[in-house]
Amino acid sequence: MTSSGLKWRGSERFSEFYKSTLQNCRYAKFVLASLVYNAAYKDCGDAVLENCMVPIGIFAEKYCKRLGFLFIILVVGMVSFVNYVYFVYMHRFLSNFDIIFGVYVNLHMLFNYFNASFRDPGFTSSRSYMSSRTCRKCFYPKPTSAHHCSICSKCVVQMDHHCPWINNCVGHFNRRYFFNFCLWTTLGCGYFSLTAYPYLGWAEWPFRRIYRRFDSAFWLCTIITLALGGLTGYHILLISKDQTTLQRMRPSKAPSPRRRYFENWLKFYNIRTNAHIFTRFLIPSTHLPFDSGVKDQIRHLNADFDVV
C-alpha cells in the first residue's frame, strides 16, 4: 500500500472521529439545554426545579402513601424532642418572654400541622362541584382549577402539591394551614438556634448526655430553619402572585399573576376587616377561604360532559 493511500485513510478516520465528537458535543449541549430551558418558562430556574422534582414524584407515587403516617410520627417526634430540650434543659436561661413566645409558636405549629394533615384539601369527590369535564382517572367532576393527585387518587381544587410530611395534598382548603405551619416552624426553629447558640460550647452541663441532646437539637433546628425557610420564601412568592406551585410550573394553563400583592395576601387569609388581622392571622383560626376555589362551576345539569 502506498503512502498516499495510508494518508488518505488516516484523514478519513480523523474526519469520522471529528464528526462523531462534534455530534456528541451537540447532543450533550441539547440535553443540558433541555434540563435548564423550556419554551413555556420565562425563568430557567423553574425548568430546573421541575426536572429535579421528577425523580421525587416517581418515588412519591410508589412509597409516600404507604409510609405517609410515619412522616407524621417523625414530625411529632422532632417537635417533642426540641420542646423537651427547650423547656426542660434550657429553662434556667429563658426569660418570661422566651417561655411565652415558645408556647405561642408551638400552639401555631401544632394547630396548623394537624389541620393541614387531616383537613380535606378540596377533593372534588367530597364536595358538590359541577363541571362540564370529568376526570378520566377518578371519574368525578374536574373543574378547570382542579388537578388529579396520583397518590391520593382524587382530584383536588387549586392543588399545590402532595406533601409527604403531612401525608396529604396541599389544596385550596388547607393551603393556609400548610403555609402557616412552614412559617411558624421556621420562626420557631430559628429562634431556638439563636437562643441556644451562646450555650453551644458551654462546659457546665451536669451530664454529657444532656450536652449531646442539646447539641443535636441545635443543629436540627438550624438545618430545618435553612431548608424550610427556603420553602417558605418560595410560597411567599407564590402567594404574592396568587399562584400555586402547579400553576407556576405550567404557565400556559395558569392565570396571569396579579401584581396586587397586598390584595392577594388579604384574599389568602380571607381578611375583610382590621379585626381579622388579629382573629385570623395572629390567632389560630379555622375560618373558610375567600371563595370555593372554582370559577367555572356550572349550576345546571343540562351540559355536555367531557372526560379529561
C-alpha atoms as a PDB file:
ATOM      1  CA  MET A   1       0.000   0.000   0.000  1.00  0.00           C
ATOM      2  CA  THR A   2       1.350   3.380  -0.972  1.00  0.00           C
ATOM      3  CA  SER A   3       1.984   6.220   1.454  1.00  0.00           C
ATOM      4  CA  SER A   4      -0.720   8.289  -0.235  1.00  0.00           C
ATOM      5  CA  GLY A   5      -3.295   5.523   0.474  1.00  0.00           C
ATOM      6  CA  LEU A   6      -2.322   5.402   4.158  1.00  0.00           C
ATOM      7  CA  LYS A   7      -2.505   9.163   4.406  1.00  0.00           C
ATOM      8  CA  TRP A   8      -5.967   9.179   2.773  1.00  0.00           C
ATOM      9  CA  ARG A   9      -7.316   6.517   5.161  1.00  0.00           C
ATOM     10  CA  GLY A  10      -5.859   8.320   8.188  1.00  0.00           C
ATOM     11  CA  SER A  11      -7.514  11.578   7.185  1.00  0.00           C
ATOM     12  CA  GLU A  12     -10.816   9.748   6.602  1.00  0.00           C
ATOM     13  CA  ARG A  13     -10.757   8.188  10.084  1.00  0.00           C
ATOM     14  CA  PHE A  14      -9.855  11.528  11.642  1.00  0.00           C
ATOM     15  CA  SER A  15     -12.747  13.139   9.785  1.00  0.00           C
ATOM     16  CA  GLU A  16     -15.164  10.482  11.072  1.00  0.00           C
ATOM     17  CA  PHE A  17     -13.850  10.882  14.617  1.00  0.00           C
ATOM     18  CA  TYR A  18     -14.204  14.650  14.384  1.00  0.00           C
ATOM     19  CA  LYS A  19     -17.781  14.402  13.118  1.00  0.00           C
ATOM     20  CA  SER A  20     -18.835  11.912  15.803  1.00  0.00           C
ATOM     21  CA  THR A  21     -17.208  14.016  18.522  1.00  0.00           C
ATOM     22  CA  LEU A  22     -18.940  17.125  17.232  1.00  0.00           C
ATOM     23  CA  GLN A  23     -22.266  15.284  17.141  1.00  0.00           C
ATOM     24  CA  ASN A  24     -21.826  14.031  20.713  1.00  0.00           C
ATOM     25  CA  CYS A  25     -20.991  17.554  21.897  1.00  0.00           C
ATOM     26  CA  ARG A  26     -24.105  18.909  20.203  1.00  0.00           C
ATOM     27  CA  TYR A  27     -26.191  16.173  21.796  1.00  0.00           C
ATOM     28  CA  ALA A  28     -24.718  16.898  25.249  1.00  0.00           C
ATOM     29  CA  LYS A  29     -25.449  20.596  24.737  1.00  0.00           C
ATOM     30  CA  PHE A  30     -29.034  19.748  23.737  1.00  0.00           C
ATOM     31  CA  VAL A  31     -29.518  17.544  26.814  1.00  0.00           C
ATOM     32  CA  LEU A  32     -28.176  20.267  29.094  1.00  0.00           C
ATOM     33  CA  ALA A  33     -30.439  22.841  27.448  1.00  0.00           C
ATOM     34  CA  SER A  34     -33.464  20.569  27.920  1.00  0.00           C
ATOM     35  CA  LEU A  35     -32.734  20.452  31.655  1.00  0.00           C
ATOM     36  CA  VAL A  36     -32.496  24.210  32.145  1.00  0.00           C
ATOM     37  CA  TYR A  37     -34.716  25.612  29.393  1.00  0.00           C
ATOM     38  CA  ASN A  38     -38.350  25.268  28.438  1.00  0.00           C
ATOM     39  CA  ALA A  39     -40.184  27.448  25.954  1.00  0.00           C
ATOM     40  CA  ALA A  40     -43.128  27.723  28.366  1.00  0.00           C
ATOM     41  CA  TYR A  41     -40.969  29.166  31.128  1.00  0.00           C
ATOM     42  CA  LYS A  42     -39.565  32.658  31.355  1.00  0.00           C
ATOM     43  CA  ASP A  43     -37.130  31.678  34.086  1.00  0.00           C
ATOM     44  CA  CYS A  44     -34.752  28.741  33.644  1.00  0.00           C
ATOM     45  CA  GLY A  45     -34.940  28.139  37.408  1.00  0.00           C
ATOM     46  CA  ASP A  46     -38.489  26.811  37.048  1.00  0.00           C
ATOM     47  CA  ALA A  47     -37.377  24.312  34.392  1.00  0.00           C
ATOM     48  CA  VAL A  48     -34.502  23.127  36.596  1.00  0.00           C
ATOM     49  CA  LEU A  49     -36.850  22.796  39.567  1.00  0.00           C
ATOM     50  CA  GLU A  50     -39.368  20.768  37.549  1.00  0.00           C
ATOM     51  CA  ASN A  51     -36.678  18.364  36.304  1.00  0.00           C
ATOM     52  CA  CYS A  52     -35.361  17.917  39.834  1.00  0.00           C
ATOM     53  CA  MET A  53     -38.883  17.106  41.019  1.00  0.00           C
ATOM     54  CA  VAL A  54     -39.365  14.260  38.503  1.00  0.00           C
ATOM     55  CA  PRO A  55     -37.488  11.550  40.495  1.00  0.00           C
ATOM     56  CA  ILE A  56     -39.104  12.840  43.691  1.00  0.00           C
ATOM     57  CA  GLY A  57     -42.516  12.457  42.067  1.00  0.00           C
ATOM     58  CA  ILE A  58     -41.752   8.894  40.952  1.00  0.00           C
ATOM     59  CA  PHE A  59     -40.630   7.973  44.467  1.00  0.00           C
ATOM     60  CA  ALA A  60     -43.683   9.658  45.986  1.00  0.00           C
ATOM     61  CA  GLU A  61     -46.136   7.741  43.804  1.00  0.00           C
ATOM     62  CA  LYS A  62     -44.632   4.422  44.928  1.00  0.00           C
ATOM     63  CA  TYR A  63     -43.943   4.879  48.628  1.00  0.00           C
ATOM     64  CA  CYS A  64     -45.424   8.073  50.112  1.00  0.00           C
ATOM     65  CA  LYS A  65     -48.938   6.713  50.521  1.00  0.00           C
ATOM     66  CA  ARG A  66     -47.640   3.647  52.340  1.00  0.00           C
ATOM     67  CA  LEU A  67     -45.139   5.486  54.542  1.00  0.00           C
ATOM     68  CA  GLY A  68     -47.110   8.700  54.993  1.00  0.00           C
ATOM     69  CA  PHE A  69     -48.158   8.060  58.577  1.00  0.00           C
ATOM     70  CA  LEU A  70     -44.504   7.503  59.539  1.00  0.00           C
ATOM     71  CA  PHE A  71     -43.722  11.051  58.394  1.00  0.00           C
ATOM     72  CA  ILE A  72     -46.371  12.397  60.782  1.00  0.00           C
ATOM     73  CA  ILE A  73     -44.855  10.403  63.649  1.00  0.00           C
ATOM     74  CA  LEU A  74     -41.408  11.713  62.700  1.00  0.00           C
ATOM     75  CA  VAL A  75     -42.586  15.351  62.694  1.00  0.00           C
ATOM     76  CA  VAL A  76     -44.317  14.976  66.063  1.00  0.00           C
ATOM     77  CA  GLY A  77     -41.211  13.273  67.447  1.00  0.00           C
ATOM     78  CA  MET A  78     -38.878  16.065  66.311  1.00  0.00           C
ATOM     79  CA  VAL A  79     -41.192  18.762  67.691  1.00  0.00           C
ATOM     80  CA  SER A  80     -41.418  16.917  71.026  1.00  0.00           C
ATOM     81  CA  PHE A  81     -37.637  16.468  71.213  1.00  0.00           C
ATOM     82  CA  VAL A  82     -36.877  20.149  70.553  1.00  0.00           C
ATOM     83  CA  ASN A  83     -39.557  21.256  73.029  1.00  0.00           C
ATOM     84  CA  TYR A  84     -38.145  18.939  75.690  1.00  0.00           C
ATOM     85  CA  VAL A  85     -34.675  20.433  75.276  1.00  0.00           C
ATOM     86  CA  TYR A  86     -36.038  23.986  75.167  1.00  0.00           C
ATOM     87  CA  PHE A  87     -38.359  23.872  78.183  1.00  0.00           C
ATOM     88  CA  VAL A  88     -36.501  21.326  80.365  1.00  0.00           C
ATOM     89  CA  TYR A  89     -32.773  21.732  79.703  1.00  0.00           C
ATOM     90  CA  MET A  90     -32.774  25.446  78.832  1.00  0.00           C
ATOM     91  CA  HIS A  91     -35.325  26.719  81.348  1.00  0.00           C
ATOM     92  CA  ARG A  92     -32.606  28.273  83.515  1.00  0.00           C
ATOM     93  CA  PHE A  93     -31.522  30.513  80.595  1.00  0.00           C
ATOM     94  CA  LEU A  94     -35.000  31.533  79.415  1.00  0.00           C
ATOM     95  CA  SER A  95     -36.810  34.749  80.243  1.00  0.00           C
ATOM     96  CA  ASN A  96     -40.574  35.033  80.631  1.00  0.00           C
ATOM     97  CA  PHE A  97     -40.785  36.315  77.064  1.00  0.00           C
ATOM     98  CA  ASP A  98     -38.862  33.281  75.776  1.00  0.00           C
ATOM     99  CA  ILE A  99     -41.266  30.901  77.508  1.00  0.00           C
ATOM    100  CA  ILE A 100     -44.406  32.729  76.341  1.00  0.00           C
ATOM    101  CA  PHE A 101     -43.102  33.008  72.787  1.00  0.00           C
ATOM    102  CA  GLY A 102     -42.187  29.308  72.775  1.00  0.00           C
ATOM    103  CA  VAL A 103     -45.692  28.318  73.878  1.00  0.00           C
ATOM    104  CA  TYR A 104     -47.235  30.678  71.297  1.00  0.00           C
ATOM    105  CA  VAL A 105     -45.154  29.266  68.427  1.00  0.00           C
ATOM    106  CA  ASN A 106     -45.910  25.694  69.479  1.00  0.00           C
ATOM    107  CA  LEU A 107     -49.629  26.472  69.509  1.00  0.00           C
ATOM    108  CA  HIS A 108     -49.422  27.720  65.925  1.00  0.00           C
ATOM    109  CA  MET A 109     -47.215  24.850  64.749  1.00  0.00           C
ATOM    110  CA  LEU A 110     -49.323  22.018  66.148  1.00  0.00           C
ATOM    111  CA  PHE A 111     -52.672  23.603  65.276  1.00  0.00           C
ATOM    112  CA  ASN A 112     -51.735  24.278  61.665  1.00  0.00           C
ATOM    113  CA  TYR A 113     -49.891  20.986  61.214  1.00  0.00           C
ATOM    114  CA  PHE A 114     -52.797  18.771  62.246  1.00  0.00           C
ATOM    115  CA  ASN A 115     -55.269  20.862  60.262  1.00  0.00           C
ATOM    116  CA  ALA A 116     -53.047  20.621  57.174  1.00  0.00           C
ATOM    117  CA  SER A 117     -52.686  16.861  57.694  1.00  0.00           C
ATOM    118  CA  PHE A 118     -56.271  15.823  58.408  1.00  0.00           C
ATOM    119  CA  ARG A 119     -58.411  18.518  56.787  1.00  0.00           C
ATOM    120  CA  ASP A 120     -59.962  17.922  53.366  1.00  0.00           C
ATOM    121  CA  PRO A 121     -57.747  19.882  50.937  1.00  0.00           C
ATOM    122  CA  GLY A 122     -60.566  20.241  48.402  1.00  0.00           C
ATOM    123  CA  PHE A 123     -61.315  16.806  46.968  1.00  0.00           C
ATOM    124  CA  THR A 124     -63.933  17.092  44.250  1.00  0.00           C
ATOM    125  CA  SER A 125     -65.288  13.703  45.326  1.00  0.00           C
ATOM    126  CA  SER A 126     -66.369  15.088  48.709  1.00  0.00           C
ATOM    127  CA  ARG A 127     -67.906  18.364  47.502  1.00  0.00           C
ATOM    128  CA  SER A 128     -70.805  19.198  45.187  1.00  0.00           C
ATOM    129  CA  TYR A 129     -68.785  20.654  42.310  1.00  0.00           C
ATOM    130  CA  MET A 130     -70.409  20.806  38.904  1.00  0.00           C
ATOM    131  CA  SER A 131     -68.281  20.957  35.796  1.00  0.00           C
ATOM    132  CA  SER A 132     -68.564  20.104  32.125  1.00  0.00           C
ATOM    133  CA  ARG A 133     -65.435  17.982  32.470  1.00  0.00           C
ATOM    134  CA  THR A 134     -64.994  14.628  34.168  1.00  0.00           C
ATOM    135  CA  CYS A 135     -61.678  13.167  35.240  1.00  0.00           C
ATOM    136  CA  ARG A 136     -60.784  10.020  33.314  1.00  0.00           C
ATOM    137  CA  LYS A 137     -58.912   8.612  36.353  1.00  0.00           C
ATOM    138  CA  CYS A 138     -61.305   9.105  39.266  1.00  0.00           C
ATOM    139  CA  PHE A 139     -64.492   9.836  37.210  1.00  0.00           C
ATOM    140  CA  TYR A 140     -65.507  12.796  39.366  1.00  0.00           C
ATOM    141  CA  PRO A 141     -66.207  16.332  38.123  1.00  0.00           C
ATOM    142  CA  LYS A 142     -62.949  18.111  37.290  1.00  0.00           C
ATOM    143  CA  PRO A 143     -63.178  21.910  37.239  1.00  0.00           C
ATOM    144  CA  THR A 144     -60.509  23.868  35.390  1.00  0.00           C
ATOM    145  CA  SER A 145     -58.724  24.702  38.643  1.00  0.00           C
ATOM    146  CA  ALA A 146     -58.609  21.048  39.770  1.00  0.00           C
ATOM    147  CA  HIS A 147     -55.711  18.639  39.353  1.00  0.00           C
ATOM    148  CA  HIS A 148     -55.651  14.860  39.804  1.00  0.00           C
ATOM    149  CA  CYS A 149     -53.279  13.611  42.507  1.00  0.00           C
ATOM    150  CA  SER A 150     -51.830  10.221  41.597  1.00  0.00           C
ATOM    151  CA  ILE A 151     -51.008   9.494  45.259  1.00  0.00           C
ATOM    152  CA  CYS A 152     -54.432  10.279  46.719  1.00  0.00           C
ATOM    153  CA  SER A 153     -56.178   9.050  43.525  1.00  0.00           C
ATOM    154  CA  LYS A 154     -58.522  12.051  43.694  1.00  0.00           C
ATOM    155  CA  CYS A 155     -58.871  15.452  42.049  1.00  0.00           C
ATOM    156  CA  VAL A 156     -58.007  18.438  44.259  1.00  0.00           C
ATOM    157  CA  VAL A 157     -59.225  22.012  43.730  1.00  0.00           C
ATOM    158  CA  GLN A 158     -56.358  24.515  43.477  1.00  0.00           C
ATOM    159  CA  MET A 159     -53.848  21.754  44.175  1.00  0.00           C
ATOM    160  CA  ASP A 160     -50.380  22.975  45.063  1.00  0.00           C
ATOM    161  CA  HIS A 161     -48.549  19.681  45.598  1.00  0.00           C
ATOM    162  CA  HIS A 162     -48.714  16.465  47.595  1.00  0.00           C
ATOM    163  CA  CYS A 163     -46.652  16.807  50.762  1.00  0.00           C
ATOM    164  CA  PRO A 164     -45.425  13.566  52.376  1.00  0.00           C
ATOM    165  CA  TRP A 165     -44.662  15.384  55.649  1.00  0.00           C
ATOM    166  CA  ILE A 166     -48.373  15.979  56.239  1.00  0.00           C
ATOM    167  CA  ASN A 167     -49.455  12.819  54.363  1.00  0.00           C
ATOM    168  CA  ASN A 168     -51.971  14.889  52.448  1.00  0.00           C
ATOM    169  CA  CYS A 169     -52.387  17.083  49.411  1.00  0.00           C
ATOM    170  CA  VAL A 170     -51.975  20.828  49.754  1.00  0.00           C
ATOM    171  CA  GLY A 171     -55.088  22.285  48.174  1.00  0.00           C
ATOM    172  CA  HIS A 172     -57.471  25.204  48.372  1.00  0.00           C
ATOM    173  CA  PHE A 173     -58.912  24.379  51.804  1.00  0.00           C
ATOM    174  CA  ASN A 174     -55.713  23.509  53.704  1.00  0.00           C
ATOM    175  CA  ARG A 175     -53.044  25.549  51.949  1.00  0.00           C
ATOM    176  CA  ARG A 176     -53.276  28.297  54.561  1.00  0.00           C
ATOM    177  CA  TYR A 177     -52.610  25.760  57.325  1.00  0.00           C
ATOM    178  CA  PHE A 178     -49.652  24.339  55.425  1.00  0.00           C
ATOM    179  CA  PHE A 179     -48.096  27.758  54.868  1.00  0.00           C
ATOM    180  CA  ASN A 180     -48.659  28.817  58.483  1.00  0.00           C
ATOM    181  CA  PHE A 181     -47.018  25.604  59.673  1.00  0.00           C
ATOM    182  CA  CYS A 182     -43.975  26.277  57.491  1.00  0.00           C
ATOM    183  CA  LEU A 183     -43.839  29.920  58.581  1.00  0.00           C
ATOM    184  CA  TRP A 184     -44.130  29.343  62.328  1.00  0.00           C
ATOM    185  CA  THR A 185     -41.824  26.312  62.258  1.00  0.00           C
ATOM    186  CA  THR A 186     -39.158  28.390  60.521  1.00  0.00           C
ATOM    187  CA  LEU A 187     -39.564  31.193  63.059  1.00  0.00           C
ATOM    188  CA  GLY A 188     -39.569  28.775  65.991  1.00  0.00           C
ATOM    189  CA  CYS A 189     -36.514  26.805  64.889  1.00  0.00           C
ATOM    190  CA  GLY A 190     -34.648  29.985  64.052  1.00  0.00           C
ATOM    191  CA  TYR A 191     -35.462  31.462  67.468  1.00  0.00           C
ATOM    192  CA  PHE A 192     -34.302  28.261  69.179  1.00  0.00           C
ATOM    193  CA  SER A 193     -30.990  28.319  67.285  1.00  0.00           C
ATOM    194  CA  LEU A 194     -30.347  31.971  68.173  1.00  0.00           C
ATOM    195  CA  THR A 195     -31.227  31.371  71.819  1.00  0.00           C
ATOM    196  CA  ALA A 196     -29.150  28.202  72.128  1.00  0.00           C
ATOM    197  CA  TYR A 197     -26.079  29.375  70.220  1.00  0.00           C
ATOM    198  CA  PRO A 198     -24.345  31.145  73.183  1.00  0.00           C
ATOM    199  CA  TYR A 199     -24.504  27.886  75.184  1.00  0.00           C
ATOM    200  CA  LEU A 200     -23.387  25.572  72.390  1.00  0.00           C
ATOM    201  CA  GLY A 201     -19.927  25.012  73.875  1.00  0.00           C
ATOM    202  CA  TRP A 202     -20.949  25.508  77.488  1.00  0.00           C
ATOM    203  CA  ALA A 203     -18.789  23.341  79.767  1.00  0.00           C
ATOM    204  CA  GLU A 204     -21.061  23.387  82.821  1.00  0.00           C
ATOM    205  CA  TRP A 205     -23.690  20.921  81.629  1.00  0.00           C
ATOM    206  CA  PRO A 206     -24.223  18.442  84.506  1.00  0.00           C
ATOM    207  CA  PHE A 207     -24.202  15.364  82.252  1.00  0.00           C
ATOM    208  CA  ARG A 208     -22.652  14.634  78.888  1.00  0.00           C
ATOM    209  CA  ARG A 209     -25.895  13.138  77.557  1.00  0.00           C
ATOM    210  CA  ILE A 210     -27.608  16.482  78.168  1.00  0.00           C
ATOM    211  CA  TYR A 211     -24.935  18.241  76.142  1.00  0.00           C
ATOM    212  CA  ARG A 212     -25.341  15.731  73.295  1.00  0.00           C
ATOM    213  CA  ARG A 213     -29.118  16.239  73.196  1.00  0.00           C
ATOM    214  CA  PHE A 214     -28.696  19.999  73.341  1.00  0.00           C
ATOM    215  CA  ASP A 215     -26.155  19.905  70.526  1.00  0.00           C
ATOM    216  CA  SER A 216     -28.407  17.640  68.410  1.00  0.00           C
ATOM    217  CA  ALA A 217     -31.419  19.908  68.932  1.00  0.00           C
ATOM    218  CA  PHE A 218     -29.390  22.971  67.937  1.00  0.00           C
ATOM    219  CA  TRP A 219     -28.160  21.500  64.669  1.00  0.00           C
ATOM    220  CA  LEU A 220     -31.566  20.007  63.885  1.00  0.00           C
ATOM    221  CA  CYS A 221     -33.246  23.405  64.275  1.00  0.00           C
ATOM    222  CA  THR A 222     -30.516  25.117  62.259  1.00  0.00           C
ATOM    223  CA  ILE A 223     -30.927  22.708  59.336  1.00  0.00           C
ATOM    224  CA  ILE A 224     -34.729  22.973  59.472  1.00  0.00           C
ATOM    225  CA  THR A 225     -34.520  26.782  59.531  1.00  0.00           C
ATOM    226  CA  LEU A 226     -32.392  26.850  56.376  1.00  0.00           C
ATOM    227  CA  ALA A 227     -34.317  24.163  54.458  1.00  0.00           C
ATOM    228  CA  LEU A 228     -37.849  25.109  55.482  1.00  0.00           C
ATOM    229  CA  GLY A 229     -37.010  28.804  55.248  1.00  0.00           C
ATOM    230  CA  GLY A 230     -36.282  28.383  51.543  1.00  0.00           C
ATOM    231  CA  LEU A 231     -39.606  26.593  51.001  1.00  0.00           C
ATOM    232  CA  THR A 232     -41.454  29.261  52.983  1.00  0.00           C
ATOM    233  CA  GLY A 233     -39.843  32.004  50.919  1.00  0.00           C
ATOM    234  CA  TYR A 234     -40.893  30.255  47.714  1.00  0.00           C
ATOM    235  CA  HIS A 235     -44.504  30.058  48.889  1.00  0.00           C
ATOM    236  CA  ILE A 236     -44.406  33.720  49.916  1.00  0.00           C
ATOM    237  CA  LEU A 237     -43.574  34.480  46.281  1.00  0.00           C
ATOM    238  CA  LEU A 238     -46.400  32.260  45.029  1.00  0.00           C
ATOM    239  CA  ILE A 239     -48.997  33.718  47.384  1.00  0.00           C
ATOM    240  CA  SER A 240     -47.948  37.253  46.482  1.00  0.00           C
ATOM    241  CA  LYS A 241     -48.647  36.427  42.824  1.00  0.00           C
ATOM    242  CA  ASP A 242     -51.834  34.460  43.590  1.00  0.00           C
ATOM    243  CA  GLN A 243     -50.376  31.250  42.165  1.00  0.00           C
ATOM    244  CA  THR A 244     -49.865  27.639  43.191  1.00  0.00           C
ATOM    245  CA  THR A 245     -46.798  25.523  42.535  1.00  0.00           C
ATOM    246  CA  LEU A 246     -48.534  23.639  39.709  1.00  0.00           C
ATOM    247  CA  GLN A 247     -49.727  26.871  38.123  1.00  0.00           C
ATOM    248  CA  ARG A 248     -46.205  28.246  38.160  1.00  0.00           C
ATOM    249  CA  MET A 249     -44.861  25.023  36.658  1.00  0.00           C
ATOM    250  CA  ARG A 250     -47.498  25.161  33.906  1.00  0.00           C
ATOM    251  CA  PRO A 251     -47.753  28.836  32.967  1.00  0.00           C
ATOM    252  CA  SER A 252     -49.702  28.091  29.800  1.00  0.00           C
ATOM    253  CA  LYS A 253     -52.628  26.790  31.894  1.00  0.00           C
ATOM    254  CA  ALA A 254     -52.289  29.283  34.730  1.00  0.00           C
ATOM    255  CA  PRO A 255     -53.957  32.661  35.020  1.00  0.00           C
ATOM    256  CA  SER A 256     -51.635  35.599  34.619  1.00  0.00           C
ATOM    257  CA  PRO A 257     -50.164  36.543  38.011  1.00  0.00           C
ATOM    258  CA  ARG A 258     -51.815  39.551  39.534  1.00  0.00           C
ATOM    259  CA  ARG A 259     -49.482  42.296  40.735  1.00  0.00           C
ATOM    260  CA  ARG A 260     -51.770  43.377  43.573  1.00  0.00           C
ATOM    261  CA  TYR A 261     -49.588  41.708  46.181  1.00  0.00           C
ATOM    262  CA  PHE A 262     -51.312  43.165  49.246  1.00  0.00           C
ATOM    263  CA  GLU A 263     -54.776  42.211  47.983  1.00  0.00           C
ATOM    264  CA  ASN A 264     -53.540  38.692  47.260  1.00  0.00           C
ATOM    265  CA  TRP A 265     -52.439  38.284  50.878  1.00  0.00           C
ATOM    266  CA  LEU A 266     -55.763  39.602  52.155  1.00  0.00           C
ATOM    267  CA  LYS A 267     -57.509  37.085  49.909  1.00  0.00           C
ATOM    268  CA  PHE A 268     -55.249  34.245  51.050  1.00  0.00           C
ATOM    269  CA  TYR A 269     -56.092  34.816  54.718  1.00  0.00           C
ATOM    270  CA  ASN A 270     -59.652  35.984  53.944  1.00  0.00           C
ATOM    271  CA  ILE A 271     -59.092  39.215  55.880  1.00  0.00           C
ATOM    272  CA  ARG A 272     -62.021  41.601  55.391  1.00  0.00           C
ATOM    273  CA  THR A 273     -61.746  43.858  58.456  1.00  0.00           C
ATOM    274  CA  ASN A 274     -58.941  45.129  60.662  1.00  0.00           C
ATOM    275  CA  ALA A 275     -60.084  42.809  63.446  1.00  0.00           C
ATOM    276  CA  HIS A 276     -59.470  39.814  61.175  1.00  0.00           C
ATOM    277  CA  ILE A 277     -55.731  40.508  61.287  1.00  0.00           C
ATOM    278  CA  PHE A 278     -55.836  39.501  64.937  1.00  0.00           C
ATOM    279  CA  THR A 279     -58.512  36.798  64.799  1.00  0.00           C
ATOM    280  CA  ARG A 280     -57.452  35.144  61.520  1.00  0.00           C
ATOM    281  CA  PHE A 281     -53.677  35.565  61.429  1.00  0.00           C
ATOM    282  CA  LEU A 282     -52.192  36.161  64.876  1.00  0.00           C
ATOM    283  CA  ILE A 283     -54.554  33.657  66.499  1.00  0.00           C
ATOM    284  CA  PRO A 284     -55.090  30.136  65.056  1.00  0.00           C
ATOM    285  CA  SER A 285     -58.367  30.102  63.157  1.00  0.00           C
ATOM    286  CA  THR A 286     -60.457  27.572  61.245  1.00  0.00           C
ATOM    287  CA  HIS A 287     -62.280  30.108  59.062  1.00  0.00           C
ATOM    288  CA  LEU A 288     -63.006  29.165  55.450  1.00  0.00           C
ATOM    289  CA  PRO A 289     -61.065  30.519  52.444  1.00  0.00           C
ATOM    290  CA  PHE A 290     -62.107  33.572  50.454  1.00  0.00           C
ATOM    291  CA  ASP A 291     -64.057  31.525  47.861  1.00  0.00           C
ATOM    292  CA  SER A 292     -64.692  27.956  46.742  1.00  0.00           C
ATOM    293  CA  GLY A 293     -61.602  27.892  44.541  1.00  0.00           C
ATOM    294  CA  VAL A 294     -63.668  27.126  41.426  1.00  0.00           C
ATOM    295  CA  LYS A 295     -64.553  29.751  38.837  1.00  0.00           C
ATOM    296  CA  ASP A 296     -66.143  27.585  36.167  1.00  0.00           C
ATOM    297  CA  GLN A 297     -68.937  25.842  38.079  1.00  0.00           C
ATOM    298  CA  ILE A 298     -71.991  25.025  36.010  1.00  0.00           C
ATOM    299  CA  ARG A 299     -75.123  25.274  38.064  1.00  0.00           C
ATOM    300  CA  HIS A 300     -77.369  23.414  35.681  1.00  0.00           C
ATOM    301  CA  LEU A 301     -77.288  19.729  34.786  1.00  0.00           C
ATOM    302  CA  ASN A 302     -78.115  20.092  31.090  1.00  0.00           C
ATOM    303  CA  ALA A 303     -74.472  20.268  29.993  1.00  0.00           C
ATOM    304  CA  ASP A 304     -72.325  18.148  27.739  1.00  0.00           C
ATOM    305  CA  PHE A 305     -69.773  16.399  29.898  1.00  0.00           C
ATOM    306  CA  ASP A 306     -66.272  15.731  28.620  1.00  0.00           C
ATOM    307  CA  VAL A 307     -63.870  13.177  30.035  1.00  0.00           C
ATOM    308  CA  VAL A 308     -60.374  14.675  30.570  1.00  0.00           C
END
